[in-house]
N, C-alpha and C. Protein backbone atom coordinates (compact mmCIF):
# COMPACT_ATOMS: atom_id res chain seq x y z
N UNK A 1 276.78 76.57 51.86
CA UNK A 1 276.41 76.54 50.52
C UNK A 1 277.23 76.34 49.81
N UNK A 2 276.47 76.09 48.63
CA UNK A 2 276.84 75.32 47.23
C UNK A 2 277.87 76.44 46.66
N UNK A 3 277.89 77.64 46.84
CA UNK A 3 278.93 78.65 46.13
C UNK A 3 279.93 79.33 46.76
N UNK A 4 279.86 78.82 48.40
CA UNK A 4 281.52 78.85 49.02
C UNK A 4 282.63 77.78 48.25
N UNK A 5 282.33 77.11 47.87
CA UNK A 5 283.07 75.96 47.67
C UNK A 5 283.58 75.96 46.34
N UNK A 6 283.37 77.17 45.42
CA UNK A 6 284.29 76.95 44.10
C UNK A 6 285.24 76.58 43.58
N UNK A 7 285.51 76.14 42.53
CA UNK A 7 287.01 75.37 42.28
C UNK A 7 287.01 76.08 41.13
N UNK A 8 286.12 76.74 40.31
CA UNK A 8 286.40 77.16 38.88
C UNK A 8 287.00 78.45 38.88
N UNK A 9 287.95 78.85 37.40
CA UNK A 9 287.98 80.18 37.60
C UNK A 9 286.51 81.57 37.36
N UNK A 10 285.76 80.83 37.18
CA UNK A 10 284.46 81.71 36.56
C UNK A 10 284.60 83.27 37.17
N UNK A 11 284.68 83.30 38.62
CA UNK A 11 284.52 84.33 39.19
C UNK A 11 285.92 85.25 38.77
N UNK A 12 287.21 85.01 38.49
CA UNK A 12 288.13 86.01 38.47
C UNK A 12 288.46 85.94 36.77
N UNK A 13 287.90 85.40 36.05
CA UNK A 13 288.20 85.56 34.65
C UNK A 13 286.88 85.72 34.05
N UNK A 14 285.55 86.04 34.56
CA UNK A 14 284.22 87.14 34.07
C UNK A 14 285.12 87.74 33.51
N UNK A 15 284.08 88.53 32.16
CA UNK A 15 284.25 89.79 31.88
C UNK A 15 282.75 90.26 31.52
N UNK A 16 282.73 91.48 31.57
CA UNK A 16 281.19 91.81 31.56
C UNK A 16 281.27 92.89 29.92
N UNK A 17 279.88 92.35 29.92
CA UNK A 17 279.72 92.57 28.33
C UNK A 17 279.13 93.71 27.67
N UNK A 18 278.81 94.59 28.64
CA UNK A 18 278.31 96.33 29.21
C UNK A 18 279.77 97.58 28.07
N UNK A 19 280.54 96.69 28.19
CA UNK A 19 281.71 97.83 27.28
C UNK A 19 281.12 97.97 25.37
N UNK A 20 281.13 96.23 25.48
CA UNK A 20 280.49 95.82 24.06
C UNK A 20 279.03 96.69 24.04
N UNK A 21 278.47 96.60 24.71
CA UNK A 21 276.55 96.87 24.85
C UNK A 21 276.94 98.57 24.37
N UNK A 22 277.59 98.99 24.96
CA UNK A 22 277.75 100.57 25.26
C UNK A 22 278.35 100.93 23.95
N UNK A 23 279.03 100.63 23.41
CA UNK A 23 279.90 101.22 21.98
C UNK A 23 278.40 100.71 20.62
N UNK A 24 278.05 99.18 21.21
CA UNK A 24 276.54 99.13 19.67
C UNK A 24 275.89 100.61 20.26
N UNK A 25 275.60 100.51 21.37
CA UNK A 25 274.55 101.41 21.52
C UNK A 25 274.28 102.63 21.27
N UNK A 26 276.08 102.90 21.40
CA UNK A 26 275.92 104.82 20.69
C UNK A 26 276.05 104.55 19.00
N UNK A 27 276.83 103.90 18.46
CA UNK A 27 277.02 103.33 17.22
C UNK A 27 275.50 103.67 16.43
N UNK A 28 274.39 102.92 17.42
CA UNK A 28 272.79 102.63 16.66
C UNK A 28 272.34 104.18 17.24
N UNK A 29 272.49 104.79 18.09
CA UNK A 29 272.07 105.71 18.56
C UNK A 29 272.74 107.08 16.94
N UNK A 30 273.83 107.25 16.67
CA UNK A 30 274.15 107.62 15.97
C UNK A 30 273.38 107.27 14.22
N UNK A 31 273.71 106.45 14.10
CA UNK A 31 273.37 106.05 12.88
C UNK A 31 271.49 106.23 13.03
N UNK A 32 270.59 105.82 13.80
CA UNK A 32 269.32 105.88 14.07
C UNK A 32 268.88 107.77 14.07
N UNK A 33 269.29 108.50 14.68
CA UNK A 33 269.00 109.75 14.55
C UNK A 33 269.65 110.71 12.95
N UNK A 34 270.73 109.95 13.17
CA UNK A 34 271.15 110.47 11.42
C UNK A 34 269.77 109.95 10.36
N UNK A 35 269.63 108.82 9.92
CA UNK A 35 268.51 108.18 9.35
C UNK A 35 267.15 108.53 9.74
N UNK A 36 266.99 109.34 10.91
CA UNK A 36 265.81 110.07 11.47
C UNK A 36 265.83 111.33 10.18
N UNK A 37 266.86 112.21 10.97
CA UNK A 37 266.82 113.36 9.91
C UNK A 37 267.19 113.31 8.60
N UNK A 38 267.21 111.93 7.79
CA UNK A 38 267.69 112.17 7.30
C UNK A 38 266.33 111.98 6.12
N UNK A 39 265.52 110.97 6.46
CA UNK A 39 264.34 110.53 6.16
C UNK A 39 263.16 111.46 6.83
N UNK A 40 263.29 112.77 7.55
CA UNK A 40 262.66 113.20 7.79
C UNK A 40 262.64 114.30 7.06
N UNK A 41 263.62 115.03 6.54
CA UNK A 41 264.15 116.11 5.52
C UNK A 41 263.45 115.39 4.20
N UNK A 42 263.59 113.70 3.59
CA UNK A 42 263.05 113.12 2.75
C UNK A 42 261.18 113.33 2.37
N UNK A 43 260.79 113.01 3.43
CA UNK A 43 259.52 113.38 3.78
C UNK A 43 259.03 114.81 3.70
N UNK A 44 259.58 115.78 4.14
CA UNK A 44 258.96 116.91 3.53
C UNK A 44 259.34 117.32 2.44
N UNK A 45 260.42 116.60 1.49
CA UNK A 45 260.70 117.18 -0.07
C UNK A 45 259.62 117.11 -0.71
N UNK A 46 259.78 115.48 -0.17
CA UNK A 46 258.62 114.81 -1.38
C UNK A 46 257.26 114.48 -1.23
N UNK A 47 257.13 114.61 -0.03
CA UNK A 47 255.75 114.47 0.80
C UNK A 47 255.25 113.76 0.61
N UNK A 48 255.79 112.22 0.30
CA UNK A 48 255.24 110.76 0.24
C UNK A 48 255.20 110.10 1.27
N UNK A 49 254.15 109.56 2.16
CA UNK A 49 253.84 108.71 3.11
C UNK A 49 255.33 107.73 4.15
N UNK A 50 255.48 106.96 2.96
CA UNK A 50 256.42 106.00 3.50
C UNK A 50 257.71 106.63 4.17
N UNK A 51 258.63 107.90 3.25
CA UNK A 51 259.55 108.22 4.29
C UNK A 51 259.50 108.97 5.83
N UNK A 52 257.75 109.57 5.62
CA UNK A 52 257.61 109.63 7.36
C UNK A 52 257.13 108.02 8.10
N UNK A 53 257.01 107.22 7.75
CA UNK A 53 257.47 105.81 8.53
C UNK A 53 258.29 105.19 8.49
N UNK A 54 259.06 105.26 7.80
CA UNK A 54 260.83 105.55 7.72
C UNK A 54 261.53 106.21 8.87
N UNK A 55 261.17 107.29 9.08
CA UNK A 55 261.57 108.52 10.18
C UNK A 55 261.40 108.28 11.41
N UNK A 56 259.88 107.72 11.07
CA UNK A 56 259.36 107.37 12.58
C UNK A 56 259.94 105.92 13.27
N UNK A 57 260.39 104.70 12.51
CA UNK A 57 261.02 103.77 12.65
C UNK A 57 262.39 104.31 13.17
N UNK A 58 263.13 104.93 12.75
CA UNK A 58 264.93 105.49 12.54
C UNK A 58 264.74 106.23 14.48
N UNK A 59 263.71 107.57 14.39
CA UNK A 59 263.04 107.91 15.78
C UNK A 59 263.15 106.70 17.35
N UNK A 60 262.35 105.69 16.35
CA UNK A 60 262.31 104.60 17.66
C UNK A 60 263.50 104.02 18.16
N UNK A 61 263.91 103.46 16.98
CA UNK A 61 265.16 102.81 16.87
C UNK A 61 266.19 104.21 17.82
N UNK A 62 266.61 104.51 17.80
CA UNK A 62 267.60 105.73 18.69
C UNK A 62 266.40 105.98 19.91
N UNK A 63 265.47 105.64 20.17
CA UNK A 63 265.25 106.33 21.70
C UNK A 63 265.53 104.82 22.15
N UNK A 64 265.27 103.67 21.68
CA UNK A 64 265.84 102.61 22.02
C UNK A 64 267.11 102.30 22.74
N UNK A 65 268.14 102.71 21.53
CA UNK A 65 269.69 102.99 21.91
C UNK A 65 269.70 103.60 23.02
N UNK A 66 269.17 105.22 22.85
CA UNK A 66 269.29 106.06 24.22
C UNK A 66 268.61 105.20 25.45
N UNK A 67 267.91 105.02 25.86
CA UNK A 67 267.30 104.03 26.99
C UNK A 67 268.37 102.69 27.37
N UNK A 68 269.10 102.60 26.36
CA UNK A 68 269.75 101.42 26.58
C UNK A 68 270.79 101.86 27.33
N UNK A 69 271.42 102.58 27.03
CA UNK A 69 272.63 103.54 27.35
C UNK A 69 272.52 104.32 28.43
N UNK A 70 271.29 104.44 29.03
CA UNK A 70 270.26 105.01 30.20
C UNK A 70 271.03 103.19 31.68
N UNK A 71 270.29 102.96 31.40
CA UNK A 71 269.85 101.32 31.66
C UNK A 71 271.81 100.74 31.59
N UNK A 72 273.13 100.91 31.26
CA UNK A 72 273.82 100.21 30.79
C UNK A 72 274.86 101.89 32.23
N UNK A 73 274.95 102.79 31.41
CA UNK A 73 275.15 103.92 32.55
C UNK A 73 275.06 103.29 34.10
N UNK A 74 273.50 102.62 34.63
CA UNK A 74 272.89 102.71 35.56
C UNK A 74 273.74 101.75 36.39
N UNK A 75 273.78 100.45 35.08
CA UNK A 75 274.36 99.15 36.24
C UNK A 75 275.77 99.17 36.58
N UNK A 76 276.28 100.42 35.70
CA UNK A 76 277.61 100.20 35.76
C UNK A 76 278.18 101.15 37.31
N UNK A 77 277.67 101.90 37.48
CA UNK A 77 277.56 102.71 38.64
C UNK A 77 277.22 101.75 39.87
N UNK A 78 276.25 100.77 40.06
CA UNK A 78 276.62 99.73 40.85
C UNK A 78 274.90 99.56 41.03
N UNK A 79 273.79 100.15 40.63
CA UNK A 79 272.56 100.31 40.66
C UNK A 79 271.88 99.26 40.60
N UNK A 80 272.25 98.21 39.48
CA UNK A 80 271.63 96.89 39.06
C UNK A 80 271.90 95.74 40.19
N UNK A 81 273.06 95.72 41.25
CA UNK A 81 273.01 94.72 42.14
C UNK A 81 273.08 95.27 43.25
N UNK A 82 272.36 94.54 44.23
CA UNK A 82 272.19 95.32 45.75
C UNK A 82 273.43 94.40 46.27
N UNK A 83 274.79 95.70 46.60
CA UNK A 83 275.40 94.82 47.55
C UNK A 83 276.77 94.84 46.62
N UNK A 84 276.95 95.53 45.29
CA UNK A 84 278.11 95.20 44.36
C UNK A 84 279.22 95.85 44.69
N UNK A 85 279.25 97.86 45.27
CA UNK A 85 279.78 98.01 45.68
C UNK A 85 280.85 99.06 44.34
N UNK A 86 279.96 98.71 43.57
CA UNK A 86 280.95 99.72 42.06
C UNK A 86 280.81 98.52 40.78
N UNK A 87 281.55 99.16 39.66
CA UNK A 87 281.59 98.40 38.89
C UNK A 87 281.85 97.41 38.89
N UNK A 88 282.33 95.99 38.01
CA UNK A 88 282.38 94.60 38.24
C UNK A 88 283.76 94.92 38.30
N UNK A 89 284.46 94.14 38.85
CA UNK A 89 285.79 93.93 39.10
C UNK A 89 286.54 95.35 39.77
N UNK A 90 285.33 95.72 40.28
CA UNK A 90 286.19 97.68 41.51
C UNK A 90 286.31 97.35 43.23
N UNK A 91 286.45 96.11 43.12
CA UNK A 91 286.95 95.12 44.32
C UNK A 91 285.65 95.73 45.65
N UNK A 92 284.44 95.44 45.06
CA UNK A 92 282.99 95.63 46.06
C UNK A 92 283.20 94.33 46.55
N UNK A 93 282.66 94.11 48.01
CA UNK A 93 282.32 92.92 48.23
C UNK A 93 281.57 91.78 48.04
N UNK A 94 281.74 90.53 48.14
CA UNK A 94 281.44 89.76 47.62
C UNK A 94 279.93 89.18 48.40
N UNK A 95 279.25 88.75 48.68
CA UNK A 95 278.17 88.76 49.29
C UNK A 95 278.04 86.98 50.26
N UNK A 96 279.02 86.85 49.02
CA UNK A 96 279.13 85.03 50.00
C UNK A 96 280.12 84.86 49.80
N UNK A 97 281.13 85.73 50.01
CA UNK A 97 282.74 85.35 51.19
C UNK A 97 282.04 86.00 52.73
N UNK A 98 282.76 85.11 53.16
CA UNK A 98 282.51 85.53 54.94
C UNK A 98 284.02 85.86 55.51
């Protein structure tokens, strides 16, 4: 099979983008929750409809960031790939090596 005769260095030098994605999702979650609270307070104090929409948009962003963090957690635990044996680089069996 073509994967058995690899000559490149990609498998040994590849890095997972999950750490950067996790940091960005955490920052987005914190900022979106803070923005949603701020906009909700502003909507209650002024009664203007635009602040309610802003709060709703910020809340949606917070939910998306939270779901992304759950997906990242699932992938880091090894649930994203069959036969991976855990996190990338943790010594799991490669299904193409015999």
